[in-house]
């Protein structure tokens, strides 16, 4: 009888160790998933920061344009612009953002020369 009880105890211990091993393996998989999520979060934050920088650059470009050429001047395409309002550094910005106004730029550039 002592042999049956020790083999029964051994079988119980084996089952308990197998169960514990299964939980340890499960925890390792969860840890790996958490690590992957943190990496995905880091990459997403990096992408978000890059987009935020692009947005900030665009706002800075618009503010610079408004500082150099007032918005009411750009809004009124019928009004004649004076060449001194358009330094050469701002001409590419106007061509990109205000195509209707850009059509007048060659006349303004020759007037400034």
Protein backbone atom coordinates (compact mmCIF):
# COMPACT_ATOMS: atom_id res chain seq x y z
CA UNK A 1 0.00 0.00 0.00
CA UNK A 2 2.85 2.31 0.69
CA UNK A 3 3.94 1.96 -2.95
CA UNK A 4 0.49 2.93 -4.24
CA UNK A 5 0.34 6.01 -2.03
CA UNK A 6 3.81 7.22 -3.04
CA UNK A 7 3.07 6.72 -6.75
CA UNK A 8 -0.24 8.56 -6.29
CA UNK A 9 1.60 11.40 -4.54
CA UNK A 10 4.20 11.48 -7.30
CA UNK A 11 1.50 11.70 -9.95
CA UNK A 12 -0.15 14.56 -8.04
CA UNK A 13 3.16 16.42 -7.79
CA UNK A 14 3.82 15.90 -11.47
CA UNK A 15 0.40 17.35 -12.33
CA UNK A 16 0.99 20.32 -10.03
CA UNK A 17 4.41 21.01 -11.60
CA UNK A 18 2.93 20.72 -15.09
CA UNK A 19 0.18 23.14 -14.10
CA UNK A 20 2.75 25.56 -12.64
CA UNK A 21 4.87 25.26 -15.80
CA UNK A 22 1.79 26.07 -17.91
CA UNK A 23 1.15 29.21 -15.87
CA UNK A 24 4.80 30.28 -16.10
CA UNK A 25 4.71 29.82 -19.88
CA UNK A 26 1.46 31.78 -20.04
CA UNK A 27 3.02 34.62 -18.02
CA UNK A 28 6.00 34.69 -20.39
CA UNK A 29 3.68 35.04 -23.40
CA UNK A 30 1.79 37.87 -21.67
CA UNK A 31 5.11 39.59 -20.85
CA UNK A 32 6.15 39.30 -24.50
CA UNK A 33 2.82 40.77 -25.61
CA UNK A 34 3.19 43.66 -23.15
CA UNK A 35 6.70 44.35 -24.43
CA UNK A 36 5.41 44.35 -28.01
CA UNK A 37 2.62 46.76 -27.04
CA UNK A 38 5.09 49.11 -25.38
CA UNK A 39 7.23 49.06 -28.53
CA UNK A 40 4.15 49.75 -30.66
CA UNK A 41 3.23 52.60 -28.31
CA UNK A 42 6.73 54.08 -28.59
CA UNK A 43 6.63 53.93 -32.39
CA UNK A 44 3.16 55.48 -32.48
CA UNK A 45 4.32 58.31 -30.20
CA UNK A 46 7.32 58.90 -32.46
CA UNK A 47 5.00 59.07 -35.49
CA UNK A 48 2.69 61.44 -33.62
CA UNK A 49 5.60 63.70 -32.69
CA UNK A 50 6.70 63.78 -36.34
CA UNK A 51 3.21 64.77 -37.49
CA UNK A 52 3.00 67.36 -34.73
CA UNK A 53 6.32 68.84 -35.89
CA UNK A 54 4.98 69.03 -39.46
CA UNK A 55 1.83 70.78 -38.21
CA UNK A 56 3.93 73.22 -36.18
CA UNK A 57 6.13 73.92 -39.22
CA UNK A 58 3.05 74.58 -41.35
CA UNK A 59 1.61 76.97 -38.76
CA UNK A 60 4.99 78.71 -38.54
CA UNK A 61 5.03 79.08 -42.33
CA UNK A 62 1.52 80.58 -42.31
CA UNK A 63 2.39 82.94 -39.45
CA UNK A 64 5.53 84.04 -41.28
CA UNK A 65 3.52 84.65 -44.44
CA UNK A 66 0.98 86.71 -42.46
CA UNK A 67 3.80 88.68 -40.84
CA UNK A 68 5.46 89.51 -44.16
CA UNK A 69 2.32 90.00 -46.24
CA UNK A 70 -0.82 90.93 -44.24
CA UNK A 71 -3.84 88.65 -44.74
CA UNK A 72 -6.11 91.45 -45.98
CA UNK A 73 -3.62 92.19 -48.76
CA UNK A 74 -3.55 88.54 -49.84
CA UNK A 75 -7.34 88.21 -49.66
CA UNK A 76 -7.99 91.06 -52.08
CA UNK A 77 -6.81 89.85 -55.49
CA UNK A 78 -8.21 92.98 -57.23
CA UNK A 79 -6.03 95.35 -55.25
CA UNK A 80 -2.68 96.23 -56.82
CA UNK A 81 0.24 95.03 -54.69
CA UNK A 82 3.40 97.02 -54.24
CA UNK A 83 6.65 95.21 -55.06
CA UNK A 84 8.32 96.11 -51.75
CA UNK A 85 5.72 93.98 -49.86
CA UNK A 86 7.12 90.85 -51.45
CA UNK A 87 10.72 90.09 -50.59
CA UNK A 88 12.18 87.34 -52.76
CA UNK A 89 12.22 84.85 -49.85
CA UNK A 90 8.40 84.91 -49.60
CA UNK A 91 7.61 84.53 -53.31
CA UNK A 92 7.75 80.68 -53.31
CA UNK A 93 5.40 80.57 -50.32
CA UNK A 94 2.86 82.79 -52.08
CA UNK A 95 3.09 80.72 -55.26
CA UNK A 96 2.31 77.59 -53.25
CA UNK A 97 -0.50 78.96 -51.08
CA UNK A 98 -2.21 81.61 -53.27
CA UNK A 99 -2.22 80.59 -56.95
CA UNK A 100 -4.45 83.52 -57.98
CA UNK A 101 -2.04 85.97 -56.40
CA UNK A 102 0.94 84.08 -57.81
CA UNK A 103 -0.23 84.94 -61.32
CA UNK A 104 0.58 88.59 -60.54
CA UNK A 105 4.03 87.80 -59.17
CA UNK A 106 6.04 88.01 -62.42
CA UNK A 107 4.77 91.58 -62.88
CA UNK A 108 5.69 92.44 -59.31
CA UNK A 109 9.14 90.88 -59.59
CA UNK A 110 10.00 92.90 -62.68
CA UNK A 111 8.69 96.05 -61.01
CA UNK A 112 11.04 95.45 -58.07
CA UNK A 113 14.12 94.98 -60.28
